[in-house]
């Protein structure tokens, strides 16, 4: 959604850069080169500011390896953090020496819906990509299907597979303390260097919150605007068509939320950058790889983003000795929560 005439005073941004950027966007003429890191410059055309980020390759996507963090989010105190830890029955002394500023650095910032939509206005917020700083379209908050494809790049896309593949290793930052929560266990690999943190989210209004500790252990809390939920217990990010979460299981929700959440950006590589197009037949029994300019053969359609495509990339396309068949990955995808 574009916010015409929406002027938002944003705190905490960096000063304007004198760097020159190439533009307008020139579509790449050769497949994307899979570098370990892709430098990015985030430019705010309204405020005339620029900030550097880094992107990592995960399958068919580039993902920024941190939250969007150069705008000030909704403020919070250490007392707010201690409150949610107590509600989750976590020892508050484990983060005794970690400041609210450090928590905001590694887990936040937490943006309200208006700021999220400001970021999604492509007349204002754009990305210049690569060493040559080329204005590149396609960057922004992921869709639900984009996130499902990310999940499918993590083993069998179970909660444990997704969590351990994408989350930082214990000790990698002041909040990621071993023993604080199961999220910082010994099996974390941070395989793609996405540096995900279980930041949770924050309520945008007063309500009654039902917290299930276990099946037979349930508590109800009267929460206020800005109170945390899911902190060090879940990942919650807004998508442009809903919300994605990793809690009891990885899932997406097609509902527009006004809760305050950290924001991640990604970009799907184009067919030319990938060097191929993928098509699936109506029976979902065969997937074929054709050239970037190919049209769908009779009885086939473009393979959409999501679980099936992610599993295909992980288990078959990127695997010289595939251990799974198309029928198996389709069955895996259909068995998962959407």
C-alpha atoms as a PDB file:
ATOM      1  CA  UNK A   1       0.000   0.000   0.000  1.00  0.00           C
ATOM      2  CA  UNK A   2       1.359   3.422  -0.829  1.00  0.00           C
ATOM      3  CA  UNK A   3       0.889   6.192   1.722  1.00  0.00           C
ATOM      4  CA  UNK A   4       0.368   9.279  -0.401  1.00  0.00           C
ATOM      5  CA  UNK A   5       0.945  12.493   1.519  1.00  0.00           C
ATOM      6  CA  UNK A   6       2.117  10.475   4.517  1.00  0.00           C
ATOM      7  CA  UNK A   7       4.947  12.304   6.238  1.00  0.00           C
ATOM      8  CA  UNK A   8       6.422  10.346   9.081  1.00  0.00           C
ATOM      9  CA  UNK A   9       9.051  11.841  11.345  1.00  0.00           C
ATOM     10  CA  UNK A  10      11.511   9.027  11.828  1.00  0.00           C
ATOM     11  CA  UNK A  11      14.142   9.067  14.521  1.00  0.00           C
ATOM     12  CA  UNK A  12      17.461   7.373  14.455  1.00  0.00           C
ATOM     13  CA  UNK A  13      18.216   7.415  10.717  1.00  0.00           C
ATOM     14  CA  UNK A  14      21.678   7.982   9.346  1.00  0.00           C
ATOM     15  CA  UNK A  15      22.768  11.153   7.595  1.00  0.00           C
ATOM     16  CA  UNK A  16      22.507  11.575   3.860  1.00  0.00           C
ATOM     17  CA  UNK A  17      25.258   9.960   1.832  1.00  0.00           C
ATOM     18  CA  UNK A  18      27.189  11.644  -0.957  1.00  0.00           C
ATOM     19  CA  UNK A  19      27.546   8.354  -2.833  1.00  0.00           C
ATOM     20  CA  UNK A  20      26.393   8.128  -6.432  1.00  0.00           C
ATOM     21  CA  UNK A  21      24.021   5.368  -7.490  1.00  0.00           C
ATOM     22  CA  UNK A  22      23.372   3.898 -10.902  1.00  0.00           C
ATOM     23  CA  UNK A  23      19.898   4.018 -12.355  1.00  0.00           C
ATOM     24  CA  UNK A  24      17.397   3.495 -13.646  1.00  0.00           C
ATOM     25  CA  UNK A  25      17.209  -0.263 -13.209  1.00  0.00           C
ATOM     26  CA  UNK A  26      18.806  -2.210 -16.042  1.00  0.00           C
ATOM     27  CA  UNK A  27      17.634  -5.846 -16.029  1.00  0.00           C
ATOM     28  CA  UNK A  28      20.595  -8.217 -15.680  1.00  0.00           C
ATOM     29  CA  UNK A  29      21.717  -9.841 -18.907  1.00  0.00           C
ATOM     30  CA  UNK A  30      23.466 -12.811 -17.297  1.00  0.00           C
ATOM     31  CA  UNK A  31      22.562 -15.150 -14.449  1.00  0.00           C
ATOM     32  CA  UNK A  32      23.102 -13.845 -10.942  1.00  0.00           C
ATOM     33  CA  UNK A  33      26.532 -14.728  -9.550  1.00  0.00           C
ATOM     34  CA  UNK A  34      26.180 -16.512  -6.230  1.00  0.00           C
ATOM     35  CA  UNK A  35      28.462 -14.392  -4.087  1.00  0.00           C
ATOM     36  CA  UNK A  36      28.626 -15.072  -0.363  1.00  0.00           C
ATOM     37  CA  UNK A  37      27.419 -11.564   0.364  1.00  0.00           C
ATOM     38  CA  UNK A  38      25.653  -8.936  -1.708  1.00  0.00           C
ATOM     39  CA  UNK A  39      26.108  -5.351  -0.506  1.00  0.00           C
ATOM     40  CA  UNK A  40      22.966  -3.223  -0.497  1.00  0.00           C
ATOM     41  CA  UNK A  41      22.212   0.443   0.012  1.00  0.00           C
ATOM     42  CA  UNK A  42      18.749   1.285   1.335  1.00  0.00           C
ATOM     43  CA  UNK A  43      17.720   4.751   0.138  1.00  0.00           C
ATOM     44  CA  UNK A  44      14.848   6.809   1.545  1.00  0.00           C
ATOM     45  CA  UNK A  45      13.926   9.278  -1.186  1.00  0.00           C
ATOM     46  CA  UNK A  46      11.704  11.321   1.125  1.00  0.00           C
ATOM     47  CA  UNK A  47      14.276  11.841   3.872  1.00  0.00           C
ATOM     48  CA  UNK A  48      17.213  11.760   1.414  1.00  0.00           C
ATOM     49  CA  UNK A  49      19.135   9.223   3.504  1.00  0.00           C
ATOM     50  CA  UNK A  50      21.034   6.036   2.720  1.00  0.00           C
ATOM     51  CA  UNK A  51      22.036   3.049   4.856  1.00  0.00           C
ATOM     52  CA  UNK A  52      24.145  -0.027   4.076  1.00  0.00           C
ATOM     53  CA  UNK A  53      22.878  -3.593   4.485  1.00  0.00           C
ATOM     54  CA  UNK A  54      24.025  -7.053   3.433  1.00  0.00           C
ATOM     55  CA  UNK A  55      22.103  -9.796   1.633  1.00  0.00           C
ATOM     56  CA  UNK A  56      22.667 -13.556   1.582  1.00  0.00           C
ATOM     57  CA  UNK A  57      21.557 -16.092  -1.027  1.00  0.00           C
ATOM     58  CA  UNK A  58      19.002 -18.679   0.113  1.00  0.00           C
ATOM     59  CA  UNK A  59      17.885 -20.839  -2.790  1.00  0.00           C
ATOM     60  CA  UNK A  60      16.198 -18.600  -5.342  1.00  0.00           C
ATOM     61  CA  UNK A  61      16.142 -15.529  -3.094  1.00  0.00           C
ATOM     62  CA  UNK A  62      18.297 -12.831  -1.629  1.00  0.00           C
ATOM     63  CA  UNK A  63      17.438 -12.078   2.002  1.00  0.00           C
ATOM     64  CA  UNK A  64      18.780  -9.199   4.084  1.00  0.00           C
ATOM     65  CA  UNK A  65      20.745 -10.763   6.930  1.00  0.00           C
ATOM     66  CA  UNK A  66      19.316  -8.455   9.601  1.00  0.00           C
ATOM     67  CA  UNK A  67      16.085  -6.698  10.404  1.00  0.00           C
ATOM     68  CA  UNK A  68      15.496  -3.317   8.791  1.00  0.00           C
ATOM     69  CA  UNK A  69      16.974  -1.300  11.626  1.00  0.00           C
ATOM     70  CA  UNK A  70      17.912   2.246  10.679  1.00  0.00           C
ATOM     71  CA  UNK A  71      14.567   3.808  11.615  1.00  0.00           C
ATOM     72  CA  UNK A  72      13.627   4.118  15.269  1.00  0.00           C
ATOM     73  CA  UNK A  73      10.960   1.619  16.280  1.00  0.00           C
ATOM     74  CA  UNK A  74       8.501   1.743  19.152  1.00  0.00           C
ATOM     75  CA  UNK A  75      10.455   2.261  22.377  1.00  0.00           C
ATOM     76  CA  UNK A  76      10.571  -0.154  25.299  1.00  0.00           C
ATOM     77  CA  UNK A  77      12.322  -0.490  28.640  1.00  0.00           C
ATOM     78  CA  UNK A  78      14.152  -3.259  30.428  1.00  0.00           C
ATOM     79  CA  UNK A  79      11.099  -3.538  32.691  1.00  0.00           C
ATOM     80  CA  UNK A  80       9.021  -4.445  29.616  1.00  0.00           C
ATOM     81  CA  UNK A  81      11.507  -7.220  28.838  1.00  0.00           C
ATOM     82  CA  UNK A  82      11.495  -8.514  32.414  1.00  0.00           C
ATOM     83  CA  UNK A  83       7.687  -8.612  32.351  1.00  0.00           C
ATOM     84  CA  UNK A  84       7.521 -10.918  29.338  1.00  0.00           C
ATOM     85  CA  UNK A  85      10.299 -13.112  30.728  1.00  0.00           C
ATOM     86  CA  UNK A  86       8.328 -13.515  33.954  1.00  0.00           C
ATOM     87  CA  UNK A  87       5.183 -14.367  31.988  1.00  0.00           C
ATOM     88  CA  UNK A  88       7.133 -17.090  30.211  1.00  0.00           C
ATOM     89  CA  UNK A  89       8.640 -18.179  33.567  1.00  0.00           C
ATOM     90  CA  UNK A  90      12.161 -17.415  32.419  1.00  0.00           C
ATOM     91  CA  UNK A  91      14.769 -16.298  34.934  1.00  0.00           C
ATOM     92  CA  UNK A  92      15.150 -12.531  34.404  1.00  0.00           C
ATOM     93  CA  UNK A  93      18.703 -12.564  35.758  1.00  0.00           C
ATOM     94  CA  UNK A  94      19.824 -14.364  32.596  1.00  0.00           C
ATOM     95  CA  UNK A  95      19.547 -11.026  30.763  1.00  0.00           C
ATOM     96  CA  UNK A  96      20.503  -8.929  33.786  1.00  0.00           C
ATOM     97  CA  UNK A  97      23.539  -7.400  32.083  1.00  0.00           C
ATOM     98  CA  UNK A  98      21.906  -6.934  28.681  1.00  0.00           C
ATOM     99  CA  UNK A  99      20.516  -3.453  28.085  1.00  0.00           C
ATOM    100  CA  UNK A 100      17.291  -2.514  26.326  1.00  0.00           C
ATOM    101  CA  UNK A 101      19.442  -0.881  23.639  1.00  0.00           C
ATOM    102  CA  UNK A 102      21.272  -4.149  22.979  1.00  0.00           C
ATOM    103  CA  UNK A 103      17.988  -6.061  22.851  1.00  0.00           C
ATOM    104  CA  UNK A 104      16.617  -3.550  20.358  1.00  0.00           C
ATOM    105  CA  UNK A 105      19.783  -3.878  18.249  1.00  0.00           C
ATOM    106  CA  UNK A 106      19.601  -7.654  17.903  1.00  0.00           C
ATOM    107  CA  UNK A 107      15.843  -8.302  18.207  1.00  0.00           C
ATOM    108  CA  UNK A 108      14.197  -5.120  16.961  1.00  0.00           C
ATOM    109  CA  UNK A 109      13.304  -2.531  16.059  1.00  0.00           C
ATOM    110  CA  UNK A 110       9.555  -3.142  16.368  1.00  0.00           C
ATOM    111  CA  UNK A 111       7.588  -1.175  13.775  1.00  0.00           C
ATOM    112  CA  UNK A 112       3.883  -0.369  13.814  1.00  0.00           C
ATOM    113  CA  UNK A 113       1.740  -0.901  10.709  1.00  0.00           C
ATOM    114  CA  UNK A 114       2.059   2.670   9.468  1.00  0.00           C
ATOM    115  CA  UNK A 115       5.826   2.452   9.472  1.00  0.00           C
ATOM    116  CA  UNK A 116       5.692  -0.959   7.799  1.00  0.00           C
ATOM    117  CA  UNK A 117       3.584   0.491   4.999  1.00  0.00           C
ATOM    118  CA  UNK A 118       5.894   3.494   4.734  1.00  0.00           C
ATOM    119  CA  UNK A 119       8.743   1.061   4.088  1.00  0.00           C
ATOM    120  CA  UNK A 120       6.640  -0.659   1.422  1.00  0.00           C
ATOM    121  CA  UNK A 121       6.139   2.559  -0.565  1.00  0.00           C
ATOM    122  CA  UNK A 122       8.429   2.055  -3.554  1.00  0.00           C
ATOM    123  CA  UNK A 123       8.303   5.767  -4.407  1.00  0.00           C
ATOM    124  CA  UNK A 124      10.120   6.340  -1.116  1.00  0.00           C
ATOM    125  CA  UNK A 125      12.137   3.298  -0.040  1.00  0.00           C
ATOM    126  CA  UNK A 126      14.337   1.555  -2.608  1.00  0.00           C
ATOM    127  CA  UNK A 127      17.398  -0.689  -2.748  1.00  0.00           C
ATOM    128  CA  UNK A 128      20.594  -0.196  -4.743  1.00  0.00           C
ATOM    129  CA  UNK A 129      22.257  -3.578  -5.135  1.00  0.00           C
ATOM    130  CA  UNK A 130      25.776  -4.868  -5.598  1.00  0.00           C
ATOM    131  CA  UNK A 131      29.185  -3.249  -5.773  1.00  0.00           C
ATOM    132  CA  UNK A 132      27.988  -1.005  -8.605  1.00  0.00           C
ATOM    133  CA  UNK A 133      24.950   0.137  -6.595  1.00  0.00           C
ATOM    134  CA  UNK A 134      22.326  -0.575  -9.245  1.00  0.00           C
ATOM    135  CA  UNK A 135      18.743   0.393  -8.465  1.00  0.00           C
ATOM    136  CA  UNK A 136      17.018  -2.996  -8.284  1.00  0.00           C
ATOM    137  CA  UNK A 137      13.288  -3.642  -8.179  1.00  0.00           C
ATOM    138  CA  UNK A 138      11.684  -6.510  -6.285  1.00  0.00           C
ATOM    139  CA  UNK A 139      12.963  -5.698  -2.794  1.00  0.00           C
ATOM    140  CA  UNK A 140      10.483  -5.477   0.051  1.00  0.00           C
ATOM    141  CA  UNK A 141       8.659  -7.443   2.689  1.00  0.00           C
ATOM    142  CA  UNK A 142       8.136 -11.080   1.675  1.00  0.00           C
ATOM    143  CA  UNK A 143       4.804 -12.593   0.754  1.00  0.00           C
ATOM    144  CA  UNK A 144       3.481 -15.580   2.658  1.00  0.00           C
ATOM    145  CA  UNK A 145       4.534 -17.831  -0.229  1.00  0.00           C
ATOM    146  CA  UNK A 146       8.044 -16.356  -0.155  1.00  0.00           C
ATOM    147  CA  UNK A 147       8.342 -17.300   3.524  1.00  0.00           C
ATOM    148  CA  UNK A 148       6.957 -20.784   2.902  1.00  0.00           C
ATOM    149  CA  UNK A 149       9.675 -21.272   0.290  1.00  0.00           C
ATOM    150  CA  UNK A 150      12.234 -20.121   2.872  1.00  0.00           C
ATOM    151  CA  UNK A 151      10.893 -22.721   5.320  1.00  0.00           C
ATOM    152  CA  UNK A 152      11.192 -25.364   2.591  1.00  0.00           C
ATOM    153  CA  UNK A 153      14.904 -24.636   2.294  1.00  0.00           C
ATOM    154  CA  UNK A 154      15.297 -25.955   5.858  1.00  0.00           C
ATOM    155  CA  UNK A 155      15.383 -29.752   5.933  1.00  0.00           C
ATOM    156  CA  UNK A 156      11.840 -31.114   6.073  1.00  0.00           C
ATOM    157  CA  UNK A 157      10.472 -27.710   7.173  1.00  0.00           C
ATOM    158  CA  UNK A 158       9.566 -28.960  10.636  1.00  0.00           C
ATOM    159  CA  UNK A 159       9.698 -26.515  13.530  1.00  0.00           C
ATOM    160  CA  UNK A 160      13.043 -27.896  14.649  1.00  0.00           C
ATOM    161  CA  UNK A 161      14.501 -27.898  11.131  1.00  0.00           C
ATOM    162  CA  UNK A 162      13.462 -24.314  10.434  1.00  0.00           C
ATOM    163  CA  UNK A 163      14.482 -23.033  13.861  1.00  0.00           C
ATOM    164  CA  UNK A 164      17.941 -24.612  13.942  1.00  0.00           C
ATOM    165  CA  UNK A 165      18.720 -23.785  10.303  1.00  0.00           C
ATOM    166  CA  UNK A 166      17.848 -20.087  10.422  1.00  0.00           C
ATOM    167  CA  UNK A 167      18.569 -18.998  14.007  1.00  0.00           C
ATOM    168  CA  UNK A 168      21.838 -17.547  15.256  1.00  0.00           C
ATOM    169  CA  UNK A 169      24.153 -19.756  17.273  1.00  0.00           C
ATOM    170  CA  UNK A 170      24.224 -19.400  21.048  1.00  0.00           C
ATOM    171  CA  UNK A 171      26.728 -16.769  22.092  1.00  0.00           C
ATOM    172  CA  UNK A 172      26.710 -14.934  18.769  1.00  0.00           C
ATOM    173  CA  UNK A 173      25.212 -11.820  20.381  1.00  0.00           C
ATOM    174  CA  UNK A 174      24.448 -10.692  23.963  1.00  0.00           C
ATOM    175  CA  UNK A 175      20.799 -11.830  23.828  1.00  0.00           C
ATOM    176  CA  UNK A 176      21.494 -15.283  22.371  1.00  0.00           C
ATOM    177  CA  UNK A 177      22.486 -16.852  25.667  1.00  0.00           C
ATOM    178  CA  UNK A 178      22.749 -20.615  25.956  1.00  0.00           C
ATOM    179  CA  UNK A 179      20.188 -21.789  28.485  1.00  0.00           C
ATOM    180  CA  UNK A 180      17.925 -18.764  28.105  1.00  0.00           C
ATOM    181  CA  UNK A 181      15.515 -20.621  25.839  1.00  0.00           C
ATOM    182  CA  UNK A 182      15.433 -23.702  23.615  1.00  0.00           C
ATOM    183  CA  UNK A 183      15.915 -21.357  20.656  1.00  0.00           C
ATOM    184  CA  UNK A 184      19.597 -21.082  21.542  1.00  0.00           C
ATOM    185  CA  UNK A 185      20.360 -24.778  21.729  1.00  0.00           C
ATOM    186  CA  UNK A 186      23.527 -26.572  20.589  1.00  0.00           C
ATOM    187  CA  UNK A 187      22.116 -27.681  17.222  1.00  0.00           C
ATOM    188  CA  UNK A 188      21.703 -24.238  15.669  1.00  0.00           C
ATOM    189  CA  UNK A 189      23.649 -23.917  12.422  1.00  0.00           C
ATOM    190  CA  UNK A 190      22.549 -20.521  11.046  1.00  0.00           C
ATOM    191  CA  UNK A 191      23.218 -22.339   7.760  1.00  0.00           C
ATOM    192  CA  UNK A 192      22.449 -19.465   5.424  1.00  0.00           C
ATOM    193  CA  UNK A 193      23.764 -16.705   7.743  1.00  0.00           C
ATOM    194  CA  UNK A 194      20.281 -15.195   7.960  1.00  0.00           C
ATOM    195  CA  UNK A 195      20.922 -14.403  11.657  1.00  0.00           C
ATOM    196  CA  UNK A 196      17.310 -14.891  12.702  1.00  0.00           C
ATOM    197  CA  UNK A 197      16.355 -14.063  16.303  1.00  0.00           C
ATOM    198  CA  UNK A 198      13.203 -15.102  18.216  1.00  0.00           C
ATOM    199  CA  UNK A 199      12.211 -11.480  18.734  1.00  0.00           C
ATOM    200  CA  UNK A 200       8.485 -12.089  19.080  1.00  0.00           C
ATOM    201  CA  UNK A 201       6.187  -9.106  18.565  1.00  0.00           C
ATOM    202  CA  UNK A 202       4.232  -6.511  20.556  1.00  0.00           C
ATOM    203  CA  UNK A 203       0.533  -5.889  21.050  1.00  0.00           C
ATOM    204  CA  UNK A 204      -0.936  -2.750  19.477  1.00  0.00           C
ATOM    205  CA  UNK A 205      -3.749  -2.443  22.026  1.00  0.00           C
ATOM    206  CA  UNK A 206      -5.168  -3.711  25.294  1.00  0.00           C
ATOM    207  CA  UNK A 207      -6.606  -7.211  25.305  1.00  0.00           C
ATOM    208  CA  UNK A 208      -6.688 -10.524  27.145  1.00  0.00           C
ATOM    209  CA  UNK A 209      -3.827 -12.790  26.100  1.00  0.00           C
ATOM    210  CA  UNK A 210      -4.058 -16.550  26.483  1.00  0.00           C
ATOM    211  CA  UNK A 211      -0.649 -18.124  27.076  1.00  0.00           C
ATOM    212  CA  UNK A 212      -0.400 -21.893  26.758  1.00  0.00           C
ATOM    213  CA  UNK A 213       2.637 -23.082  28.699  1.00  0.00           C
ATOM    214  CA  UNK A 214       1.598 -26.702  28.094  1.00  0.00           C
ATOM    215  CA  UNK A 215      -1.615 -28.427  27.106  1.00  0.00           C
ATOM    216  CA  UNK A 216      -2.863 -28.400  30.696  1.00  0.00           C
ATOM    217  CA  UNK A 217      -1.074 -25.271  31.922  1.00  0.00           C
ATOM    218  CA  UNK A 218      -2.752 -22.109  30.646  1.00  0.00           C
ATOM    219  CA  UNK A 219      -2.602 -18.520  31.902  1.00  0.00           C
ATOM    220  CA  UNK A 220      -4.540 -15.393  30.937  1.00  0.00           C
ATOM    221  CA  UNK A 221      -2.987 -11.926  31.087  1.00  0.00           C
ATOM    222  CA  UNK A 222      -4.460  -8.457  30.685  1.00  0.00           C
ATOM    223  CA  UNK A 223      -1.912  -6.973  28.290  1.00  0.00           C
ATOM    224  CA  UNK A 224      -1.432  -3.336  27.347  1.00  0.00           C
ATOM    225  CA  UNK A 225      -0.266  -1.560  24.202  1.00  0.00           C
ATOM    226  CA  UNK A 226       3.399  -2.344  23.621  1.00  0.00           C
ATOM    227  CA  UNK A 227       3.497  -5.491  25.754  1.00  0.00           C
ATOM    228  CA  UNK A 228       5.636  -8.244  24.251  1.00  0.00           C
ATOM    229  CA  UNK A 229       4.616 -11.735  23.225  1.00  0.00           C
ATOM    230  CA  UNK A 230       6.856 -14.430  21.797  1.00  0.00           C
ATOM    231  CA  UNK A 231      10.042 -12.696  22.950  1.00  0.00           C
ATOM    232  CA  UNK A 232      12.845 -15.340  22.878  1.00  0.00           C
ATOM    233  CA  UNK A 233      10.070 -17.871  22.164  1.00  0.00           C
ATOM    234  CA  UNK A 234       8.952 -17.145  18.589  1.00  0.00           C
ATOM    235  CA  UNK A 235       9.709 -15.403  15.316  1.00  0.00           C
ATOM    236  CA  UNK A 236       6.945 -13.124  14.050  1.00  0.00           C
ATOM    237  CA  UNK A 237       7.369 -10.981  10.921  1.00  0.00           C
ATOM    238  CA  UNK A 238       4.873  -9.068   8.788  1.00  0.00           C
ATOM    239  CA  UNK A 239       4.398 -10.076   5.169  1.00  0.00           C
ATOM    240  CA  UNK A 240       2.757  -7.881   2.574  1.00  0.00           C
ATOM    241  CA  UNK A 241      -0.211 -10.255   2.527  1.00  0.00           C
ATOM    242  CA  UNK A 242      -0.335 -11.291   6.195  1.00  0.00           C
ATOM    243  CA  UNK A 243       2.097 -12.551   8.790  1.00  0.00           C
ATOM    244  CA  UNK A 244       4.631 -15.376   9.172  1.00  0.00           C
ATOM    245  CA  UNK A 245       5.515 -17.087  12.447  1.00  0.00           C
ATOM    246  CA  UNK A 246       7.768 -19.772  13.846  1.00  0.00           C
ATOM    247  CA  UNK A 247       6.363 -20.842  17.206  1.00  0.00           C
ATOM    248  CA  UNK A 248       4.844 -24.262  17.828  1.00  0.00           C
ATOM    249  CA  UNK A 249       5.301 -24.817  14.092  1.00  0.00           C
ATOM    250  CA  UNK A 250       6.269 -22.662  11.080  1.00  0.00           C
ATOM    251  CA  UNK A 251       3.192 -21.125   9.481  1.00  0.00           C
ATOM    252  CA  UNK A 252       1.759 -18.126   7.664  1.00  0.00           C
ATOM    253  CA  UNK A 253      -1.474 -16.243   8.220  1.00  0.00           C
ATOM    254  CA  UNK A 254      -3.338 -14.289   5.492  1.00  0.00           C
ATOM    255  CA  UNK A 255      -4.623 -11.719   8.006  1.00  0.00           C
ATOM    256  CA  UNK A 256      -3.377  -8.122   8.060  1.00  0.00           C
ATOM    257  CA  UNK A 257      -1.998  -7.357  11.528  1.00  0.00           C
ATOM    258  CA  UNK A 258      -1.392  -4.061  13.285  1.00  0.00           C
ATOM    259  CA  UNK A 259       0.892  -5.549  15.935  1.00  0.00           C
ATOM    260  CA  UNK A 260       4.390  -4.127  16.215  1.00  0.00           C
ATOM    261  CA  UNK A 261       6.925  -6.438  14.592  1.00  0.00           C
ATOM    262  CA  UNK A 262      10.494  -6.578  13.275  1.00  0.00           C
ATOM    263  CA  UNK A 263      10.726  -6.253   9.492  1.00  0.00           C
ATOM    264  CA  UNK A 264      12.782  -8.382   7.083  1.00  0.00           C
ATOM    265  CA  UNK A 265      13.189  -7.829   3.347  1.00  0.00           C
ATOM    266  CA  UNK A 266      13.935 -10.192   0.477  1.00  0.00           C
ATOM    267  CA  UNK A 267      14.039 -10.344  -3.308  1.00  0.00           C
ATOM    268  CA  UNK A 268      13.180 -13.266  -5.564  1.00  0.00           C
ATOM    269  CA  UNK A 269      15.835 -13.629  -8.252  1.00  0.00           C
ATOM    270  CA  UNK A 270      14.523 -13.263 -11.781  1.00  0.00           C
ATOM    271  CA  UNK A 271      14.385 -16.151 -14.244  1.00  0.00           C
ATOM    272  CA  UNK A 272      17.287 -14.591 -16.151  1.00  0.00           C
ATOM    273  CA  UNK A 273      19.363 -14.340 -12.981  1.00  0.00           C
ATOM    274  CA  UNK A 274      18.499 -17.929 -12.068  1.00  0.00           C
ATOM    275  CA  UNK A 275      19.124 -19.140 -15.595  1.00  0.00           C
ATOM    276  CA  UNK A 276      15.920 -21.204 -15.763  1.00  0.00           C
ATOM    277  CA  UNK A 277      12.159 -21.449 -15.326  1.00  0.00           C
ATOM    278  CA  UNK A 278      10.389 -24.283 -13.517  1.00  0.00           C
ATOM    279  CA  UNK A 279       7.102 -25.809 -14.683  1.00  0.00           C
ATOM    280  CA  UNK A 280       4.882 -28.429 -13.045  1.00  0.00           C
ATOM    281  CA  UNK A 281       2.260 -30.621 -14.689  1.00  0.00           C
ATOM    282  CA  UNK A 282      -1.385 -30.704 -13.609  1.00  0.00           C
ATOM    283  CA  UNK A 283      -0.980 -34.025 -11.817  1.00  0.00           C
ATOM    284  CA  UNK A 284       1.954 -32.553  -9.841  1.00  0.00           C
ATOM    285  CA  UNK A 285       3.990 -35.618 -10.729  1.00  0.00           C
ATOM    286  CA  UNK A 286       6.688 -33.955 -12.814  1.00  0.00           C
ATOM    287  CA  UNK A 287       8.663 -30.705 -12.648  1.00  0.00           C
ATOM    288  CA  UNK A 288      10.747 -29.600 -15.611  1.00  0.00           C
ATOM    289  CA  UNK A 289      13.490 -26.998 -15.875  1.00  0.00           C
ATOM    290  CA  UNK A 290      13.556 -24.893 -19.060  1.00  0.00           C
ATOM    291  CA  UNK A 291      15.391 -21.799 -20.279  1.00  0.00           C
ATOM    292  CA  UNK A 292      14.542 -18.369 -18.806  1.00  0.00           C
ATOM    293  CA  UNK A 293      12.510 -17.286 -21.838  1.00  0.00           C
ATOM    294  CA  UNK A 294      10.570 -20.532 -22.248  1.00  0.00           C
ATOM    295  CA  UNK A 295       6.781 -20.687 -22.148  1.00  0.00           C
ATOM    296  CA  UNK A 296       4.830 -23.345 -20.310  1.00  0.00           C
ATOM    297  CA  UNK A 297       4.442 -26.546 -22.376  1.00  0.00           C
ATOM    298  CA  UNK A 298       0.990 -28.023 -22.825  1.00  0.00           C
ATOM    299  CA  UNK A 299      -0.370 -29.412 -19.566  1.00  0.00           C
ATOM    300  CA  UNK A 300       2.185 -27.483 -17.477  1.00  0.00           C
ATOM    301  CA  UNK A 301       2.140 -24.222 -15.552  1.00  0.00           C
ATOM    302  CA  UNK A 302       4.825 -22.148 -13.858  1.00  0.00           C
ATOM    303  CA  UNK A 303       5.765 -23.662 -10.515  1.00  0.00           C
ATOM    304  CA  UNK A 304       4.616 -21.099  -7.925  1.00  0.00           C
ATOM    305  CA  UNK A 305       6.687 -19.935  -4.992  1.00  0.00           C
ATOM    306  CA  UNK A 306       6.109 -21.930  -1.821  1.00  0.00           C
ATOM    307  CA  UNK A 307       6.762 -25.277  -0.200  1.00  0.00           C
ATOM    308  CA  UNK A 308       6.884 -27.440  -3.348  1.00  0.00           C
ATOM    309  CA  UNK A 309       9.257 -25.093  -5.138  1.00  0.00           C
ATOM    310  CA  UNK A 310      11.489 -24.725  -2.089  1.00  0.00           C
ATOM    311  CA  UNK A 311      11.708 -28.468  -1.560  1.00  0.00           C
ATOM    312  CA  UNK A 312      12.462 -28.953  -5.266  1.00  0.00           C
ATOM    313  CA  UNK A 313      15.299 -26.420  -5.116  1.00  0.00           C
ATOM    314  CA  UNK A 314      16.727 -27.915  -1.927  1.00  0.00           C
ATOM    315  CA  UNK A 315      16.365 -31.631  -2.577  1.00  0.00           C
ATOM    316  CA  UNK A 316      16.536 -31.949  -6.368  1.00  0.00           C
ATOM    317  CA  UNK A 317      17.710 -28.847  -8.236  1.00  0.00           C
ATOM    318  CA  UNK A 318      20.633 -28.093  -5.907  1.00  0.00           C
ATOM    319  CA  UNK A 319      21.441 -31.741  -5.219  1.00  0.00           C
ATOM    320  CA  UNK A 320      23.669 -33.648  -7.677  1.00  0.00           C
ATOM    321  CA  UNK A 321      22.338 -36.918  -6.250  1.00  0.00           C
ATOM    322  CA  UNK A 322      18.684 -36.278  -5.397  1.00  0.00           C
ATOM    323  CA  UNK A 323      17.400 -38.401  -2.541  1.00  0.00           C
ATOM    324  CA  UNK A 324      13.751 -37.469  -3.070  1.00  0.00           C
ATOM    325  CA  UNK A 325      11.352 -37.635  -5.993  1.00  0.00           C
ATOM    326  CA  UNK A 326       8.873 -35.004  -7.128  1.00  0.00           C
ATOM    327  CA  UNK A 327       6.049 -37.146  -5.754  1.00  0.00           C
ATOM    328  CA  UNK A 328       7.745 -37.218  -2.361  1.00  0.00           C
ATOM    329  CA  UNK A 329       8.319 -33.475  -2.116  1.00  0.00           C
ATOM    330  CA  UNK A 330       4.738 -32.773  -3.217  1.00  0.00           C
ATOM    331  CA  UNK A 331       3.487 -35.089  -0.471  1.00  0.00           C
ATOM    332  CA  UNK A 332       5.779 -33.360   2.040  1.00  0.00           C
ATOM    333  CA  UNK A 333       4.451 -29.942   1.056  1.00  0.00           C
ATOM    334  CA  UNK A 334       0.827 -31.026   1.290  1.00  0.00           C
ATOM    335  CA  UNK A 335       1.390 -32.407   4.785  1.00  0.00           C
ATOM    336  CA  UNK A 336       2.555 -29.075   6.191  1.00  0.00           C
ATOM    337  CA  UNK A 337       0.576 -26.323   7.808  1.00  0.00           C
ATOM    338  CA  UNK A 338       0.128 -23.401   5.468  1.00  0.00           C
END
